[in-house]
Amino acid sequence: MDLPLKSELIFSVGNSFQHFLTNEQQDALLSSVQRHLATGGYFIFETRFPNAEELLQPTTEEYWRTYKNQLTGKSVDVYTISQYDSLNQLQHYTTIRKEDGQQDISTRITLRYVFPKEMQRLLNSHGFDIVHIYKDWNERFITKDSVQMVYVCRKSEDSSER
């Protein structure tokens, strides 16, 4: 983004930070936020916590849940397959939906996981001070068993435009 304005608050929800799959993409995002955030302004975002349960999911098709298709009234069983690429910190997910036992839809998504110390270095290098890290939007403090990380960051007073 390159807009002719600055804001006191920029936020990102839905774990969208994980869709920036490379260092270059993460740098571009944080540079854009830095440019559009007023000095002392806040950047708040969430991302999934890279705990072992999240990263080390089965690489075989595993049942996840069942829901009712509102259009057909039939039950849909949902299965997932996960593969973690530890060199690139990428989790490749395949979701398979089966209605009446027949494979209906298969979708794929890739997400990048960032560990807390890495995120601290990344944010600091882009001129952000971390004010809080929470495990959820209820402002509960992060633990090793967290599922998410909610970052509350402030643009450093001495940060230069990046």
C-alpha atoms as a PDB file:
ATOM      1  CA  MET A   1       0.000   0.000   0.000  1.00  0.00           C
ATOM      2  CA  ASP A   2       1.055   3.543  -0.583  1.00  0.00           C
ATOM      3  CA  LEU A   3      -1.581   5.980   0.653  1.00  0.00           C
ATOM      4  CA  PRO A   4      -1.103   9.697   1.396  1.00  0.00           C
ATOM      5  CA  LEU A   5      -2.167   9.349   5.032  1.00  0.00           C
ATOM      6  CA  LYS A   6      -1.108   8.195   8.455  1.00  0.00           C
ATOM      7  CA  SER A   7      -3.210   6.522  11.094  1.00  0.00           C
ATOM      8  CA  GLU A   8      -3.031   6.183  14.872  1.00  0.00           C
ATOM      9  CA  LEU A   9      -4.162   2.544  14.616  1.00  0.00           C
ATOM     10  CA  ILE A  10      -3.677  -0.218  12.078  1.00  0.00           C
ATOM     11  CA  PHE A  11      -4.913  -3.715  12.801  1.00  0.00           C
ATOM     12  CA  SER A  12      -4.972  -7.063  11.060  1.00  0.00           C
ATOM     13  CA  VAL A  13      -7.206  -9.972  12.087  1.00  0.00           C
ATOM     14  CA  GLY A  14      -7.973 -13.491  10.913  1.00  0.00           C
ATOM     15  CA  ASN A  15      -4.359 -14.621  11.270  1.00  0.00           C
ATOM     16  CA  SER A  16      -3.673 -12.860   7.973  1.00  0.00           C
ATOM     17  CA  PHE A  17      -0.007 -12.347   8.911  1.00  0.00           C
ATOM     18  CA  GLN A  18       0.474 -16.050   8.147  1.00  0.00           C
ATOM     19  CA  HIS A  19      -0.319 -15.493   4.471  1.00  0.00           C
ATOM     20  CA  PHE A  20       2.954 -13.599   4.034  1.00  0.00           C
ATOM     21  CA  LEU A  21       5.025 -16.676   3.255  1.00  0.00           C
ATOM     22  CA  THR A  22       8.515 -15.236   2.713  1.00  0.00           C
ATOM     23  CA  ASN A  23      10.836 -12.874   4.573  1.00  0.00           C
ATOM     24  CA  GLU A  24      10.455 -10.405   1.709  1.00  0.00           C
ATOM     25  CA  GLN A  25       6.655 -10.453   1.934  1.00  0.00           C
ATOM     26  CA  GLN A  26       6.741  -9.977   5.712  1.00  0.00           C
ATOM     27  CA  ASP A  27       9.227  -7.121   5.336  1.00  0.00           C
ATOM     28  CA  ALA A  28       7.041  -5.432   2.698  1.00  0.00           C
ATOM     29  CA  LEU A  29       3.969  -5.697   4.938  1.00  0.00           C
ATOM     30  CA  LEU A  30       5.720  -4.276   8.006  1.00  0.00           C
ATOM     31  CA  SER A  31       7.348  -1.506   5.950  1.00  0.00           C
ATOM     32  CA  SER A  32       3.929  -0.525   4.618  1.00  0.00           C
ATOM     33  CA  VAL A  33       2.432  -0.496   8.118  1.00  0.00           C
ATOM     34  CA  GLN A  34       5.410   1.552   9.337  1.00  0.00           C
ATOM     35  CA  ARG A  35       4.874   4.151   6.554  1.00  0.00           C
ATOM     36  CA  HIS A  36       1.170   4.514   7.280  1.00  0.00           C
ATOM     37  CA  LEU A  37       1.342   4.563  11.070  1.00  0.00           C
ATOM     38  CA  ALA A  38       1.749   7.824  12.954  1.00  0.00           C
ATOM     39  CA  THR A  39       4.647   8.001  15.397  1.00  0.00           C
ATOM     40  CA  GLY A  40       3.449   6.452  18.649  1.00  0.00           C
ATOM     41  CA  GLY A  41       0.550   4.792  16.810  1.00  0.00           C
ATOM     42  CA  TYR A  42      -0.450   1.186  17.385  1.00  0.00           C
ATOM     43  CA  PHE A  43      -0.285  -1.860  15.140  1.00  0.00           C
ATOM     44  CA  ILE A  44      -2.310  -4.805  16.478  1.00  0.00           C
ATOM     45  CA  PHE A  45      -2.427  -8.212  14.825  1.00  0.00           C
ATOM     46  CA  GLU A  46      -2.800 -11.900  15.530  1.00  0.00           C
ATOM     47  CA  THR A  47      -1.070 -14.989  14.261  1.00  0.00           C
ATOM     48  CA  ARG A  48      -1.189 -18.640  15.246  1.00  0.00           C
ATOM     49  CA  PHE A  49       1.260 -19.780  17.900  1.00  0.00           C
ATOM     50  CA  PRO A  50       3.669 -22.392  16.494  1.00  0.00           C
ATOM     51  CA  ASN A  51       3.187 -25.009  19.192  1.00  0.00           C
ATOM     52  CA  ALA A  52       4.024 -28.683  18.634  1.00  0.00           C
ATOM     53  CA  GLU A  53       0.367 -29.729  18.401  1.00  0.00           C
ATOM     54  CA  GLU A  54      -0.199 -27.211  15.608  1.00  0.00           C
ATOM     55  CA  LEU A  55       2.936 -28.043  13.625  1.00  0.00           C
ATOM     56  CA  LEU A  56       3.196 -31.790  14.112  1.00  0.00           C
ATOM     57  CA  GLN A  57      -0.220 -32.829  12.874  1.00  0.00           C
ATOM     58  CA  PRO A  58      -0.636 -36.159  11.056  1.00  0.00           C
ATOM     59  CA  THR A  59       0.436 -36.224   7.414  1.00  0.00           C
ATOM     60  CA  THR A  60      -2.297 -38.732   6.645  1.00  0.00           C
ATOM     61  CA  GLU A  61      -5.963 -37.981   6.075  1.00  0.00           C
ATOM     62  CA  GLU A  62      -7.526 -37.444   9.514  1.00  0.00           C
ATOM     63  CA  TYR A  63     -11.179 -36.858  10.446  1.00  0.00           C
ATOM     64  CA  TRP A  64     -11.758 -33.326  11.815  1.00  0.00           C
ATOM     65  CA  ARG A  65     -15.496 -32.663  12.130  1.00  0.00           C
ATOM     66  CA  THR A  66     -18.960 -33.022  10.579  1.00  0.00           C
ATOM     67  CA  TYR A  67     -21.407 -30.276   9.636  1.00  0.00           C
ATOM     68  CA  LYS A  68     -24.755 -30.066   7.838  1.00  0.00           C
ATOM     69  CA  ASN A  69     -24.787 -28.668   4.278  1.00  0.00           C
ATOM     70  CA  GLN A  70     -27.498 -25.985   4.425  1.00  0.00           C
ATOM     71  CA  LEU A  71     -28.282 -26.358   0.698  1.00  0.00           C
ATOM     72  CA  THR A  72     -28.649 -30.145   0.531  1.00  0.00           C
ATOM     73  CA  GLY A  73     -29.465 -30.943   4.167  1.00  0.00           C
ATOM     74  CA  LYS A  74     -26.854 -33.705   4.074  1.00  0.00           C
ATOM     75  CA  SER A  75     -24.006 -34.277   6.517  1.00  0.00           C
ATOM     76  CA  VAL A  76     -20.518 -33.364   5.359  1.00  0.00           C
ATOM     77  CA  ASP A  77     -17.484 -35.036   6.932  1.00  0.00           C
ATOM     78  CA  VAL A  78     -14.328 -32.925   6.945  1.00  0.00           C
ATOM     79  CA  TYR A  79     -10.841 -34.439   6.854  1.00  0.00           C
ATOM     80  CA  THR A  80      -7.441 -32.731   6.917  1.00  0.00           C
ATOM     81  CA  ILE A  81      -3.914 -33.535   5.827  1.00  0.00           C
ATOM     82  CA  SER A  82      -0.982 -31.467   7.146  1.00  0.00           C
ATOM     83  CA  GLN A  83       2.633 -31.275   6.115  1.00  0.00           C
ATOM     84  CA  TYR A  84       5.091 -29.002   7.895  1.00  0.00           C
ATOM     85  CA  ASP A  85       8.145 -27.741   6.009  1.00  0.00           C
ATOM     86  CA  SER A  86      10.483 -26.880   8.895  1.00  0.00           C
ATOM     87  CA  LEU A  87      13.142 -25.277   6.667  1.00  0.00           C
ATOM     88  CA  ASN A  88      10.699 -22.654   5.407  1.00  0.00           C
ATOM     89  CA  GLN A  89       8.373 -22.664   8.448  1.00  0.00           C
ATOM     90  CA  LEU A  90       5.417 -23.419   6.177  1.00  0.00           C
ATOM     91  CA  GLN A  91       2.443 -25.573   7.051  1.00  0.00           C
ATOM     92  CA  HIS A  92       0.654 -27.015   4.015  1.00  0.00           C
ATOM     93  CA  TYR A  93      -2.975 -27.893   4.775  1.00  0.00           C
ATOM     94  CA  THR A  94      -5.356 -29.884   2.613  1.00  0.00           C
ATOM     95  CA  THR A  95      -9.010 -29.960   3.640  1.00  0.00           C
ATOM     96  CA  ILE A  96     -11.274 -32.636   2.155  1.00  0.00           C
ATOM     97  CA  ARG A  97     -15.061 -32.483   2.439  1.00  0.00           C
ATOM     98  CA  LYS A  98     -17.103 -35.639   1.818  1.00  0.00           C
ATOM     99  CA  GLU A  99     -20.872 -35.521   1.445  1.00  0.00           C
ATOM    100  CA  ASP A 100     -22.518 -38.953   1.660  1.00  0.00           C
ATOM    101  CA  GLY A 101     -19.079 -40.582   1.623  1.00  0.00           C
ATOM    102  CA  GLN A 102     -18.171 -39.077  -1.754  1.00  0.00           C
ATOM    103  CA  GLN A 103     -15.226 -36.672  -2.057  1.00  0.00           C
ATOM    104  CA  ASP A 104     -16.836 -33.343  -2.782  1.00  0.00           C
ATOM    105  CA  ILE A 105     -14.292 -30.565  -2.427  1.00  0.00           C
ATOM    106  CA  SER A 106     -10.570 -30.493  -1.706  1.00  0.00           C
ATOM    107  CA  THR A 107      -8.931 -27.178  -0.817  1.00  0.00           C
ATOM    108  CA  ARG A 108      -5.334 -26.265  -0.025  1.00  0.00           C
ATOM    109  CA  ILE A 109      -3.751 -23.483   1.953  1.00  0.00           C
ATOM    110  CA  THR A 110      -0.193 -22.727   3.042  1.00  0.00           C
ATOM    111  CA  LEU A 111       0.544 -20.729   6.196  1.00  0.00           C
ATOM    112  CA  ARG A 112       3.816 -19.487   7.643  1.00  0.00           C
ATOM    113  CA  TYR A 113       4.518 -19.804  11.344  1.00  0.00           C
ATOM    114  CA  VAL A 114       6.732 -17.313  13.141  1.00  0.00           C
ATOM    115  CA  PHE A 115       8.173 -18.112  16.554  1.00  0.00           C
ATOM    116  CA  PRO A 116       7.930 -15.449  19.308  1.00  0.00           C
ATOM    117  CA  LYS A 117      11.660 -14.583  19.415  1.00  0.00           C
ATOM    118  CA  GLU A 118      11.746 -14.315  15.636  1.00  0.00           C
ATOM    119  CA  MET A 119       8.667 -12.058  15.688  1.00  0.00           C
ATOM    120  CA  GLN A 120      10.308  -9.837  18.307  1.00  0.00           C
ATOM    121  CA  ARG A 121      13.391  -9.403  16.102  1.00  0.00           C
ATOM    122  CA  LEU A 122      11.243  -8.814  13.024  1.00  0.00           C
ATOM    123  CA  LEU A 123       9.055  -6.172  14.660  1.00  0.00           C
ATOM    124  CA  ASN A 124      11.972  -4.399  16.355  1.00  0.00           C
ATOM    125  CA  SER A 125      13.910  -4.268  13.084  1.00  0.00           C
ATOM    126  CA  HIS A 126      10.931  -2.492  11.493  1.00  0.00           C
ATOM    127  CA  GLY A 127      10.694   0.145  14.216  1.00  0.00           C
ATOM    128  CA  PHE A 128       8.003  -1.362  16.432  1.00  0.00           C
ATOM    129  CA  ASP A 129       8.068  -1.770  20.197  1.00  0.00           C
ATOM    130  CA  ILE A 130       6.050  -4.710  21.495  1.00  0.00           C
ATOM    131  CA  VAL A 131       3.725  -3.397  24.200  1.00  0.00           C
ATOM    132  CA  HIS A 132       1.903  -6.697  24.902  1.00  0.00           C
ATOM    133  CA  ILE A 133       1.685 -10.247  23.612  1.00  0.00           C
ATOM    134  CA  TYR A 134      -1.540 -12.018  24.467  1.00  0.00           C
ATOM    135  CA  LYS A 135      -2.803 -15.536  23.848  1.00  0.00           C
ATOM    136  CA  ASP A 136      -6.197 -14.254  22.712  1.00  0.00           C
ATOM    137  CA  TRP A 137      -8.331 -11.155  22.248  1.00  0.00           C
ATOM    138  CA  ASN A 138      -9.375 -11.361  25.931  1.00  0.00           C
ATOM    139  CA  GLU A 139      -5.913 -10.072  26.904  1.00  0.00           C
ATOM    140  CA  ARG A 140      -4.807 -13.275  28.618  1.00  0.00           C
ATOM    141  CA  PHE A 141      -1.030 -13.550  28.691  1.00  0.00           C
ATOM    142  CA  ILE A 142       0.709 -15.920  26.321  1.00  0.00           C
ATOM    143  CA  THR A 143       1.902 -19.330  27.542  1.00  0.00           C
ATOM    144  CA  LYS A 144       3.769 -22.225  25.948  1.00  0.00           C
ATOM    145  CA  ASP A 145       0.388 -23.894  25.366  1.00  0.00           C
ATOM    146  CA  SER A 146      -1.141 -20.927  23.531  1.00  0.00           C
ATOM    147  CA  VAL A 147      -2.843 -21.362  20.187  1.00  0.00           C
ATOM    148  CA  GLN A 148      -2.577 -17.729  19.073  1.00  0.00           C
ATOM    149  CA  MET A 149      -0.407 -14.684  19.631  1.00  0.00           C
ATOM    150  CA  VAL A 150      -2.026 -11.250  19.632  1.00  0.00           C
ATOM    151  CA  TYR A 151       0.613  -8.541  19.286  1.00  0.00           C
ATOM    152  CA  VAL A 152       0.051  -4.981  20.449  1.00  0.00           C
ATOM    153  CA  CYS A 153       2.886  -2.909  18.982  1.00  0.00           C
ATOM    154  CA  ARG A 154       3.687   0.785  19.017  1.00  0.00           C
ATOM    155  CA  LYS A 155       5.641   2.620  16.351  1.00  0.00           C
ATOM    156  CA  SER A 156       8.883   3.630  18.033  1.00  0.00           C
ATOM    157  CA  GLU A 157       9.358   7.323  18.707  1.00  0.00           C
ATOM    158  CA  ASP A 158      12.849   7.153  17.219  1.00  0.00           C
ATOM    159  CA  SER A 159      11.994   4.966  14.239  1.00  0.00           C
ATOM    160  CA  SER A 160      12.825   6.411  10.863  1.00  0.00           C
ATOM    161  CA  GLU A 161      10.539   6.000   7.896  1.00  0.00           C
ATOM    162  CA  ARG A 162      11.237   2.650   6.295  1.00  0.00           C
END
